[in-house]
All heavy atoms as atom14 arrays in JSON, in Angstrom:
{
  "sequence": "ARTATNIRSGAVGPVSGIVQSVFVLLFLLLFAPYASYIPLAAMAP",
  "atom14_mask": [
    [1, 1, 1, 1, 1, 0, 0, 0, 0, 0, 0, 0, 0, 0],
    [1, 1, 1, 1, 1, 1, 1, 1, 1, 1, 1, 0, 0, 0],
    [1, 1, 1, 1, 1, 1, 1, 0, 0, 0, 0, 0, 0, 0],
    [1, 1, 1, 1, 1, 0, 0, 0, 0, 0, 0, 0, 0, 0],
    [1, 1, 1, 1, 1, 1, 1, 0, 0, 0, 0, 0, 0, 0],
    [1, 1, 1, 1, 1, 1, 1, 1, 0, 0, 0, 0, 0, 0],
    [1, 1, 1, 1, 1, 1, 1, 1, 0, 0, 0, 0, 0, 0],
    [1, 1, 1, 1, 1, 1, 1, 1, 1, 1, 1, 0, 0, 0],
    [1, 1, 1, 1, 1, 1, 0, 0, 0, 0, 0, 0, 0, 0],
    [1, 1, 1, 1, 0, 0, 0, 0, 0, 0, 0, 0, 0, 0],
    [1, 1, 1, 1, 1, 0, 0, 0, 0, 0, 0, 0, 0, 0],
    [1, 1, 1, 1, 1, 1, 1, 0, 0, 0, 0, 0, 0, 0],
    [1, 1, 1, 1, 0, 0, 0, 0, 0, 0, 0, 0, 0, 0],
    [1, 1, 1, 1, 1, 1, 1, 0, 0, 0, 0, 0, 0, 0],
    [1, 1, 1, 1, 1, 1, 1, 0, 0, 0, 0, 0, 0, 0],
    [1, 1, 1, 1, 1, 1, 0, 0, 0, 0, 0, 0, 0, 0],
    [1, 1, 1, 1, 0, 0, 0, 0, 0, 0, 0, 0, 0, 0],
    [1, 1, 1, 1, 1, 1, 1, 1, 0, 0, 0, 0, 0, 0],
    [1, 1, 1, 1, 1, 1, 1, 0, 0, 0, 0, 0, 0, 0],
    [1, 1, 1, 1, 1, 1, 1, 1, 1, 0, 0, 0, 0, 0],
    [1, 1, 1, 1, 1, 1, 0, 0, 0, 0, 0, 0, 0, 0],
    [1, 1, 1, 1, 1, 1, 1, 0, 0, 0, 0, 0, 0, 0],
    [1, 1, 1, 1, 1, 1, 1, 1, 1, 1, 1, 0, 0, 0],
    [1, 1, 1, 1, 1, 1, 1, 0, 0, 0, 0, 0, 0, 0],
    [1, 1, 1, 1, 1, 1, 1, 1, 0, 0, 0, 0, 0, 0],
    [1, 1, 1, 1, 1, 1, 1, 1, 0, 0, 0, 0, 0, 0],
    [1, 1, 1, 1, 1, 1, 1, 1, 1, 1, 1, 0, 0, 0],
    [1, 1, 1, 1, 1, 1, 1, 1, 0, 0, 0, 0, 0, 0],
    [1, 1, 1, 1, 1, 1, 1, 1, 0, 0, 0, 0, 0, 0],
    [1, 1, 1, 1, 1, 1, 1, 1, 0, 0, 0, 0, 0, 0],
    [1, 1, 1, 1, 1, 1, 1, 1, 1, 1, 1, 0, 0, 0],
    [1, 1, 1, 1, 1, 0, 0, 0, 0, 0, 0, 0, 0, 0],
    [1, 1, 1, 1, 1, 1, 1, 0, 0, 0, 0, 0, 0, 0],
    [1, 1, 1, 1, 1, 1, 1, 1, 1, 1, 1, 1, 0, 0],
    [1, 1, 1, 1, 1, 0, 0, 0, 0, 0, 0, 0, 0, 0],
    [1, 1, 1, 1, 1, 1, 0, 0, 0, 0, 0, 0, 0, 0],
    [1, 1, 1, 1, 1, 1, 1, 1, 1, 1, 1, 1, 0, 0],
    [1, 1, 1, 1, 1, 1, 1, 1, 0, 0, 0, 0, 0, 0],
    [1, 1, 1, 1, 1, 1, 1, 0, 0, 0, 0, 0, 0, 0],
    [1, 1, 1, 1, 1, 1, 1, 1, 0, 0, 0, 0, 0, 0],
    [1, 1, 1, 1, 1, 0, 0, 0, 0, 0, 0, 0, 0, 0],
    [1, 1, 1, 1, 1, 0, 0, 0, 0, 0, 0, 0, 0, 0],
    [1, 1, 1, 1, 1, 1, 1, 1, 0, 0, 0, 0, 0, 0],
    [1, 1, 1, 1, 1, 0, 0, 0, 0, 0, 0, 0, 0, 0],
    [1, 1, 1, 1, 1, 1, 1, 0, 0, 0, 0, 0, 0, 0]
  ],
  "atom14_positions": [
    [[-8.31, 0.5, -6.38], [-7.14, -0.25, -6.85], [-6.95, -1.54, -6.06], [-6.68, -2.6, -6.63], [-5.89, 0.63, -6.74], [0.0, 0.0, 0.0], [0.0, 0.0, 0.0], [0.0, 0.0, 0.0], [0.0, 0.0, 0.0], [0.0, 0.0, 0.0], [0.0, 0.0, 0.0], [0.0, 0.0, 0.0], [0.0, 0.0, 0.0], [0.0, 0.0, 0.0]],
    [[-7.08, -1.47, -4.73], [-6.91, -2.68, -3.92], [-8.06, -3.67, -4.13], [-7.87, -4.88, -4.09], [-6.8, -2.29, -2.44], [-5.38, -1.95, -2.0], [-5.35, -1.14, -0.72], [-5.59, 0.28, -0.98], [-5.8, 1.18, -0.04], [-5.86, 0.81, 1.23], [-5.98, 2.44, -0.35], [0.0, 0.0, 0.0], [0.0, 0.0, 0.0], [0.0, 0.0, 0.0]],
    [[-9.28, -3.14, -4.35], [-10.41, -4.02, -4.64], [-10.19, -4.74, -5.96], [-10.46, -5.95, -6.08], [-11.71, -3.21, -4.69], [-11.94, -2.59, -3.41], [-12.9, -4.1, -5.03], [0.0, 0.0, 0.0], [0.0, 0.0, 0.0], [0.0, 0.0, 0.0], [0.0, 0.0, 0.0], [0.0, 0.0, 0.0], [0.0, 0.0, 0.0], [0.0, 0.0, 0.0]],
    [[-9.69, -4.03, -6.96], [-9.4, -4.65, -8.26], [-8.3, -5.7, -8.12], [-8.37, -6.78, -8.71], [-8.99, -3.58, -9.27], [0.0, 0.0, 0.0], [0.0, 0.0, 0.0], [0.0, 0.0, 0.0], [0.0, 0.0, 0.0], [0.0, 0.0, 0.0], [0.0, 0.0, 0.0], [0.0, 0.0, 0.0], [0.0, 0.0, 0.0], [0.0, 0.0, 0.0]],
    [[-7.27, -5.4, -7.32], [-6.2, -6.36, -7.07], [-6.76, -7.61, -6.4], [-6.35, -8.74, -6.71], [-5.12, -5.73, -6.18], [-4.58, -4.57, -6.82], [-4.0, -6.72, -5.88], [0.0, 0.0, 0.0], [0.0, 0.0, 0.0], [0.0, 0.0, 0.0], [0.0, 0.0, 0.0], [0.0, 0.0, 0.0], [0.0, 0.0, 0.0], [0.0, 0.0, 0.0]],
    [[-7.68, -7.41, -5.48], [-8.31, -8.52, -4.78], [-9.01, -9.48, -5.76], [-8.86, -10.69, -5.69], [-9.33, -7.96, -3.78], [-9.96, -9.01, -2.9], [-9.3, -9.97, -2.48], [-11.23, -8.86, -2.6], [0.0, 0.0, 0.0], [0.0, 0.0, 0.0], [0.0, 0.0, 0.0], [0.0, 0.0, 0.0], [0.0, 0.0, 0.0], [0.0, 0.0, 0.0]],
    [[-9.75, -8.89, -6.7], [-10.48, -9.7, -7.68], [-9.51, -10.39, -8.63], [-9.65, -11.6, -8.92], [-11.46, -8.82, -8.47], [-12.55, -8.29, -7.53], [-12.1, -9.6, -9.61], [-13.47, -7.26, -8.16], [0.0, 0.0, 0.0], [0.0, 0.0, 0.0], [0.0, 0.0, 0.0], [0.0, 0.0, 0.0], [0.0, 0.0, 0.0], [0.0, 0.0, 0.0]],
    [[-8.51, -9.66, -9.11], [-7.53, -10.26, -10.04], [-6.73, -11.38, -9.38], [-6.21, -12.26, -10.06], [-6.58, -9.19, -10.56], [-7.24, -8.12, -11.43], [-6.21, -7.29, -12.16], [-6.8, -6.15, -12.83], [-6.76, -4.91, -12.37], [-6.15, -4.64, -11.23], [-7.32, -3.92, -13.05], [0.0, 0.0, 0.0], [0.0, 0.0, 0.0], [0.0, 0.0, 0.0]],
    [[-6.63, -11.34, -8.06], [-5.87, -12.36, -7.33], [-6.7, -13.61, -7.06], [-6.2, -14.54, -6.41], [-5.35, -11.78, -6.0], [-4.52, -10.66, -6.24], [0.0, 0.0, 0.0], [0.0, 0.0, 0.0], [0.0, 0.0, 0.0], [0.0, 0.0, 0.0], [0.0, 0.0, 0.0], [0.0, 0.0, 0.0], [0.0, 0.0, 0.0], [0.0, 0.0, 0.0]],
    [[-7.96, -13.6, -7.49], [-8.78, -14.8, -7.37], [-9.78, -14.83, -6.24], [-10.32, -15.89, -5.91], [0.0, 0.0, 0.0], [0.0, 0.0, 0.0], [0.0, 0.0, 0.0], [0.0, 0.0, 0.0], [0.0, 0.0, 0.0], [0.0, 0.0, 0.0], [0.0, 0.0, 0.0], [0.0, 0.0, 0.0], [0.0, 0.0, 0.0], [0.0, 0.0, 0.0]],
    [[-10.05, -13.68, -5.62], [-11.0, -13.65, -4.49], [-12.38, -14.12, -4.94], [-12.81, -13.85, -6.07], [-11.09, -12.24, -3.93], [0.0, 0.0, 0.0], [0.0, 0.0, 0.0], [0.0, 0.0, 0.0], [0.0, 0.0, 0.0], [0.0, 0.0, 0.0], [0.0, 0.0, 0.0], [0.0, 0.0, 0.0], [0.0, 0.0, 0.0], [0.0, 0.0, 0.0]],
    [[-13.07, -14.83, -4.05], [-14.43, -15.28, -4.35], [-15.45, -14.76, -3.34], [-16.65, -14.94, -3.52], [-14.5, -16.83, -4.39], [-13.7, -17.37, -5.54], [-14.04, -17.43, -3.07], [0.0, 0.0, 0.0], [0.0, 0.0, 0.0], [0.0, 0.0, 0.0], [0.0, 0.0, 0.0], [0.0, 0.0, 0.0], [0.0, 0.0, 0.0], [0.0, 0.0, 0.0]],
    [[-14.98, -14.13, -2.26], [-15.9, -13.64, -1.24], [-15.24, -12.66, -0.29], [-14.04, -12.35, -0.42], [0.0, 0.0, 0.0], [0.0, 0.0, 0.0], [0.0, 0.0, 0.0], [0.0, 0.0, 0.0], [0.0, 0.0, 0.0], [0.0, 0.0, 0.0], [0.0, 0.0, 0.0], [0.0, 0.0, 0.0], [0.0, 0.0, 0.0], [0.0, 0.0, 0.0]],
    [[-15.97, -12.18, 0.69], [-15.46, -11.15, 1.61], [-14.38, -11.64, 2.57], [-13.75, -10.83, 3.23], [-16.72, -10.71, 2.36], [-17.66, -11.85, 2.26], [-17.4, -12.48, 0.93], [0.0, 0.0, 0.0], [0.0, 0.0, 0.0], [0.0, 0.0, 0.0], [0.0, 0.0, 0.0], [0.0, 0.0, 0.0], [0.0, 0.0, 0.0], [0.0, 0.0, 0.0]],
    [[-14.16, -12.94, 2.64], [-13.13, -13.46, 3.55], [-11.76, -12.95, 3.16], [-10.88, -12.77, 4.02], [-13.16, -15.01, 3.56], [-11.99, -15.57, 4.35], [-14.47, -15.51, 4.17], [0.0, 0.0, 0.0], [0.0, 0.0, 0.0], [0.0, 0.0, 0.0], [0.0, 0.0, 0.0], [0.0, 0.0, 0.0], [0.0, 0.0, 0.0], [0.0, 0.0, 0.0]],
    [[-11.54, -12.67, 1.88], [-10.24, -12.15, 1.45], [-9.94, -10.81, 2.12], [-8.79, -10.53, 2.48], [-10.21, -12.0, -0.07], [-11.23, -11.12, -0.51], [0.0, 0.0, 0.0], [0.0, 0.0, 0.0], [0.0, 0.0, 0.0], [0.0, 0.0, 0.0], [0.0, 0.0, 0.0], [0.0, 0.0, 0.0], [0.0, 0.0, 0.0], [0.0, 0.0, 0.0]],
    [[-10.97, -9.98, 2.31], [-10.79, -8.7, 3.0], [-10.42, -8.9, 4.46], [-9.62, -8.15, 5.03], [0.0, 0.0, 0.0], [0.0, 0.0, 0.0], [0.0, 0.0, 0.0], [0.0, 0.0, 0.0], [0.0, 0.0, 0.0], [0.0, 0.0, 0.0], [0.0, 0.0, 0.0], [0.0, 0.0, 0.0], [0.0, 0.0, 0.0], [0.0, 0.0, 0.0]],
    [[-11.02, -9.91, 5.07], [-10.69, -10.23, 6.47], [-9.26, -10.73, 6.57], [-8.51, -10.35, 7.48], [-11.68, -11.29, 7.01], [-13.1, -10.71, 7.03], [-11.27, -11.78, 8.39], [-14.18, -11.72, 7.38], [0.0, 0.0, 0.0], [0.0, 0.0, 0.0], [0.0, 0.0, 0.0], [0.0, 0.0, 0.0], [0.0, 0.0, 0.0], [0.0, 0.0, 0.0]],
    [[-8.87, -11.6, 5.63], [-7.49, -12.11, 5.61], [-6.49, -10.98, 5.44], [-5.44, -10.94, 6.08], [-7.32, -13.15, 4.47], [-5.86, -13.53, 4.29], [-8.16, -14.39, 4.75], [0.0, 0.0, 0.0], [0.0, 0.0, 0.0], [0.0, 0.0, 0.0], [0.0, 0.0, 0.0], [0.0, 0.0, 0.0], [0.0, 0.0, 0.0], [0.0, 0.0, 0.0]],
    [[-6.82, -10.02, 4.56], [-5.95, -8.86, 4.36], [-5.69, -8.15, 5.68], [-4.55, -7.79, 6.0], [-6.6, -7.9, 3.36], [-5.81, -6.63, 3.12], [-6.58, -5.36, 3.5], [-6.24, -4.28, 3.06], [-7.6, -5.47, 4.31], [0.0, 0.0, 0.0], [0.0, 0.0, 0.0], [0.0, 0.0, 0.0], [0.0, 0.0, 0.0], [0.0, 0.0, 0.0]],
    [[-6.75, -7.93, 6.46], [-6.6, -7.22, 7.73], [-5.74, -8.02, 8.71], [-4.9, -7.45, 9.42], [-7.99, -6.95, 8.34], [-8.71, -6.06, 7.53], [0.0, 0.0, 0.0], [0.0, 0.0, 0.0], [0.0, 0.0, 0.0], [0.0, 0.0, 0.0], [0.0, 0.0, 0.0], [0.0, 0.0, 0.0], [0.0, 0.0, 0.0], [0.0, 0.0, 0.0]],
    [[-5.95, -9.31, 8.76], [-5.17, -10.17, 9.66], [-3.7, -10.16, 9.24], [-2.79, -10.11, 10.09], [-5.72, -11.61, 9.66], [-4.81, -12.54, 10.45], [-7.13, -11.64, 10.22], [0.0, 0.0, 0.0], [0.0, 0.0, 0.0], [0.0, 0.0, 0.0], [0.0, 0.0, 0.0], [0.0, 0.0, 0.0], [0.0, 0.0, 0.0], [0.0, 0.0, 0.0]],
    [[-3.45, -10.18, 7.93], [-2.07, -10.16, 7.41], [-1.35, -8.87, 7.82], [-0.19, -8.91, 8.28], [-2.08, -10.3, 5.9], [-0.71, -10.34, 5.28], [0.01, -11.52, 5.21], [-0.13, -9.17, 4.77], [1.29, -11.54, 4.65], [1.14, -9.19, 4.21], [1.84, -10.38, 4.15], [0.0, 0.0, 0.0], [0.0, 0.0, 0.0], [0.0, 0.0, 0.0]],
    [[-2.03, -7.73, 7.67], [-1.42, -6.45, 8.05], [-1.2, -6.4, 9.56], [-0.2, -5.86, 10.03], [-2.31, -5.27, 7.59], [-1.73, -3.93, 8.05], [-2.46, -5.27, 6.07], [0.0, 0.0, 0.0], [0.0, 0.0, 0.0], [0.0, 0.0, 0.0], [0.0, 0.0, 0.0], [0.0, 0.0, 0.0], [0.0, 0.0, 0.0], [0.0, 0.0, 0.0]],
    [[-2.12, -6.98, 10.32], [-1.95, -7.04, 11.78], [-0.71, -7.84, 12.15], [0.08, -7.44, 13.02], [-3.2, -7.67, 12.41], [-3.14, -7.92, 13.93], [-2.96, -6.62, 14.69], [-4.4, -8.65, 14.39], [0.0, 0.0, 0.0], [0.0, 0.0, 0.0], [0.0, 0.0, 0.0], [0.0, 0.0, 0.0], [0.0, 0.0, 0.0], [0.0, 0.0, 0.0]],
    [[-0.51, -8.98, 11.48], [0.68, -9.8, 11.75], [1.96, -9.05, 11.38], [2.97, -9.14, 12.09], [0.59, -11.11, 10.97], [-0.49, -12.1, 11.43], [-0.55, -13.3, 10.5], [-0.24, -12.55, 12.86], [0.0, 0.0, 0.0], [0.0, 0.0, 0.0], [0.0, 0.0, 0.0], [0.0, 0.0, 0.0], [0.0, 0.0, 0.0], [0.0, 0.0, 0.0]],
    [[1.91, -8.3, 10.28], [3.06, -7.47, 9.91], [3.38, -6.47, 11.02], [4.55, -6.27, 11.38], [2.78, -6.74, 8.6], [3.77, -5.64, 8.3], [4.99, -5.94, 7.71], [3.5, -4.31, 8.63], [5.91, -4.94, 7.45], [4.41, -3.31, 8.38], [5.63, -3.62, 7.78], [0.0, 0.0, 0.0], [0.0, 0.0, 0.0], [0.0, 0.0, 0.0]],
    [[2.32, -5.84, 11.54], [2.51, -4.85, 12.6], [3.16, -5.48, 13.83], [4.07, -4.9, 14.43], [1.15, -4.23, 12.97], [1.15, -3.17, 14.06], [1.81, -1.89, 13.57], [-0.28, -2.87, 14.51], [0.0, 0.0, 0.0], [0.0, 0.0, 0.0], [0.0, 0.0, 0.0], [0.0, 0.0, 0.0], [0.0, 0.0, 0.0], [0.0, 0.0, 0.0]],
    [[2.71, -6.66, 14.21], [3.19, -7.31, 15.43], [4.58, -7.91, 15.26], [5.35, -7.99, 16.23], [2.21, -8.41, 15.86], [0.8, -7.94, 16.24], [-0.09, -9.13, 16.58], [0.84, -6.96, 17.41], [0.0, 0.0, 0.0], [0.0, 0.0, 0.0], [0.0, 0.0, 0.0], [0.0, 0.0, 0.0], [0.0, 0.0, 0.0], [0.0, 0.0, 0.0]],
    [[4.92, -8.35, 14.03], [6.17, -9.08, 13.82], [7.28, -8.24, 13.21], [8.45, -8.42, 13.53], [5.91, -10.32, 12.95], [4.92, -11.34, 13.51], [4.69, -12.46, 12.49], [5.42, -11.92, 14.83], [0.0, 0.0, 0.0], [0.0, 0.0, 0.0], [0.0, 0.0, 0.0], [0.0, 0.0, 0.0], [0.0, 0.0, 0.0], [0.0, 0.0, 0.0]],
    [[6.92, -7.32, 12.31], [7.95, -6.64, 11.52], [7.96, -5.13, 11.65], [8.7, -4.46, 10.91], [7.8, -7.02, 10.04], [7.9, -8.49, 9.78], [6.76, -9.23, 9.48], [9.11, -9.15, 9.85], [6.83, -10.59, 9.25], [9.21, -10.51, 9.62], [8.06, -11.24, 9.31], [0.0, 0.0, 0.0], [0.0, 0.0, 0.0], [0.0, 0.0, 0.0]],
    [[7.13, -4.58, 12.53], [7.04, -3.12, 12.65], [8.39, -2.42, 12.85], [8.64, -1.36, 12.25], [6.07, -2.75, 13.77], [0.0, 0.0, 0.0], [0.0, 0.0, 0.0], [0.0, 0.0, 0.0], [0.0, 0.0, 0.0], [0.0, 0.0, 0.0], [0.0, 0.0, 0.0], [0.0, 0.0, 0.0], [0.0, 0.0, 0.0], [0.0, 0.0, 0.0]],
    [[9.31, -2.98, 13.67], [10.59, -2.28, 13.88], [11.38, -2.06, 12.58], [12.09, -1.06, 12.45], [11.35, -3.22, 14.82], [10.28, -3.97, 15.54], [9.19, -4.17, 14.53], [0.0, 0.0, 0.0], [0.0, 0.0, 0.0], [0.0, 0.0, 0.0], [0.0, 0.0, 0.0], [0.0, 0.0, 0.0], [0.0, 0.0, 0.0], [0.0, 0.0, 0.0]],
    [[11.25, -2.99, 11.63], [12.01, -2.86, 10.38], [11.48, -1.72, 9.51], [12.2, -1.22, 8.63], [11.95, -4.18, 9.59], [12.58, -5.34, 10.34], [11.78, -6.28, 10.97], [13.96, -5.47, 10.44], [12.34, -7.34, 11.66], [14.53, -6.52, 11.15], [13.72, -7.46, 11.76], [14.28, -8.49, 12.46], [0.0, 0.0, 0.0], [0.0, 0.0, 0.0]],
    [[10.23, -1.31, 9.73], [9.66, -0.21, 8.94], [10.38, 1.11, 9.22], [10.3, 2.05, 8.42], [8.17, -0.06, 9.25], [0.0, 0.0, 0.0], [0.0, 0.0, 0.0], [0.0, 0.0, 0.0], [0.0, 0.0, 0.0], [0.0, 0.0, 0.0], [0.0, 0.0, 0.0], [0.0, 0.0, 0.0], [0.0, 0.0, 0.0], [0.0, 0.0, 0.0]],
    [[11.08, 1.18, 10.33], [11.81, 2.4, 10.68], [12.89, 2.74, 9.66], [13.3, 3.9, 9.53], [12.47, 2.25, 12.06], [11.5, 2.03, 13.05], [0.0, 0.0, 0.0], [0.0, 0.0, 0.0], [0.0, 0.0, 0.0], [0.0, 0.0, 0.0], [0.0, 0.0, 0.0], [0.0, 0.0, 0.0], [0.0, 0.0, 0.0], [0.0, 0.0, 0.0]],
    [[13.37, 1.72, 8.92], [14.45, 1.94, 7.95], [13.94, 2.46, 6.61], [14.74, 2.83, 5.75], [15.22, 0.63, 7.72], [15.91, 0.11, 8.95], [15.37, -0.95, 9.67], [17.1, 0.69, 9.4], [16.0, -1.45, 10.81], [17.74, 0.2, 10.54], [17.18, -0.86, 11.24], [17.8, -1.34, 12.36], [0.0, 0.0, 0.0], [0.0, 0.0, 0.0]],
    [[12.63, 2.48, 6.41], [12.07, 2.89, 5.11], [12.3, 4.38, 4.89], [11.84, 5.21, 5.67], [10.57, 2.58, 5.03], [10.32, 1.07, 5.16], [9.97, 3.11, 3.73], [8.85, 0.7, 5.21], [0.0, 0.0, 0.0], [0.0, 0.0, 0.0], [0.0, 0.0, 0.0], [0.0, 0.0, 0.0], [0.0, 0.0, 0.0], [0.0, 0.0, 0.0]],
    [[12.98, 4.76, 3.82], [13.2, 6.19, 3.54], [11.9, 6.86, 3.08], [11.1, 6.25, 2.35], [14.23, 6.17, 2.4], [14.79, 4.79, 2.37], [13.7, 3.9, 2.86], [0.0, 0.0, 0.0], [0.0, 0.0, 0.0], [0.0, 0.0, 0.0], [0.0, 0.0, 0.0], [0.0, 0.0, 0.0], [0.0, 0.0, 0.0], [0.0, 0.0, 0.0]],
    [[11.7, 8.08, 3.5], [10.53, 8.82, 3.02], [10.62, 9.04, 1.51], [9.6, 9.1, 0.82], [10.45, 10.18, 3.73], [10.28, 10.12, 5.26], [10.15, 11.54, 5.81], [9.07, 9.29, 5.65], [0.0, 0.0, 0.0], [0.0, 0.0, 0.0], [0.0, 0.0, 0.0], [0.0, 0.0, 0.0], [0.0, 0.0, 0.0], [0.0, 0.0, 0.0]],
    [[11.84, 9.11, 0.99], [12.03, 9.28, -0.45], [11.56, 8.04, -1.23], [11.22, 8.15, -2.41], [13.5, 9.55, -0.76], [0.0, 0.0, 0.0], [0.0, 0.0, 0.0], [0.0, 0.0, 0.0], [0.0, 0.0, 0.0], [0.0, 0.0, 0.0], [0.0, 0.0, 0.0], [0.0, 0.0, 0.0], [0.0, 0.0, 0.0], [0.0, 0.0, 0.0]],
    [[11.55, 6.88, -0.58], [11.08, 5.66, -1.24], [9.56, 5.62, -1.3], [8.97, 4.95, -2.16], [11.61, 4.43, -0.51], [0.0, 0.0, 0.0], [0.0, 0.0, 0.0], [0.0, 0.0, 0.0], [0.0, 0.0, 0.0], [0.0, 0.0, 0.0], [0.0, 0.0, 0.0], [0.0, 0.0, 0.0], [0.0, 0.0, 0.0], [0.0, 0.0, 0.0]],
    [[8.9, 6.33, -0.37], [7.44, 6.35, -0.35], [6.9, 7.4, -1.32], [5.76, 7.29, -1.79], [6.94, 6.64, 1.06], [7.48, 5.68, 2.1], [6.6, 5.73, 3.67], [5.24, 4.66, 3.31], [0.0, 0.0, 0.0], [0.0, 0.0, 0.0], [0.0, 0.0, 0.0], [0.0, 0.0, 0.0], [0.0, 0.0, 0.0], [0.0, 0.0, 0.0]],
    [[7.71, 8.4, -1.63], [7.25, 9.49, -2.52], [6.82, 8.98, -3.89], [5.73, 9.32, -4.36], [8.34, 10.54, -2.64], [0.0, 0.0, 0.0], [0.0, 0.0, 0.0], [0.0, 0.0, 0.0], [0.0, 0.0, 0.0], [0.0, 0.0, 0.0], [0.0, 0.0, 0.0], [0.0, 0.0, 0.0], [0.0, 0.0, 0.0], [0.0, 0.0, 0.0]],
    [[7.63, 8.16, -4.59], [7.19, 7.71, -5.91], [5.94, 6.84, -5.87], [5.17, 6.82, -6.85], [8.4, 6.92, -6.44], [9.23, 6.62, -5.27], [9.01, 7.72, -4.29], [0.0, 0.0, 0.0], [0.0, 0.0, 0.0], [0.0, 0.0, 0.0], [0.0, 0.0, 0.0], [0.0, 0.0, 0.0], [0.0, 0.0, 0.0], [0.0, 0.0, 0.0]]
  ]
}
């Protein structure tokens, strides 16, 4: 599913996968505390 999303979003090479990892890393470093508010019931669906 994520690979298909990558292609539909216009990816042309493997750099998009590297960017994805860097983006998630930045989320972890900058916004991780806010993830504490996410309800488990919101992840279920």
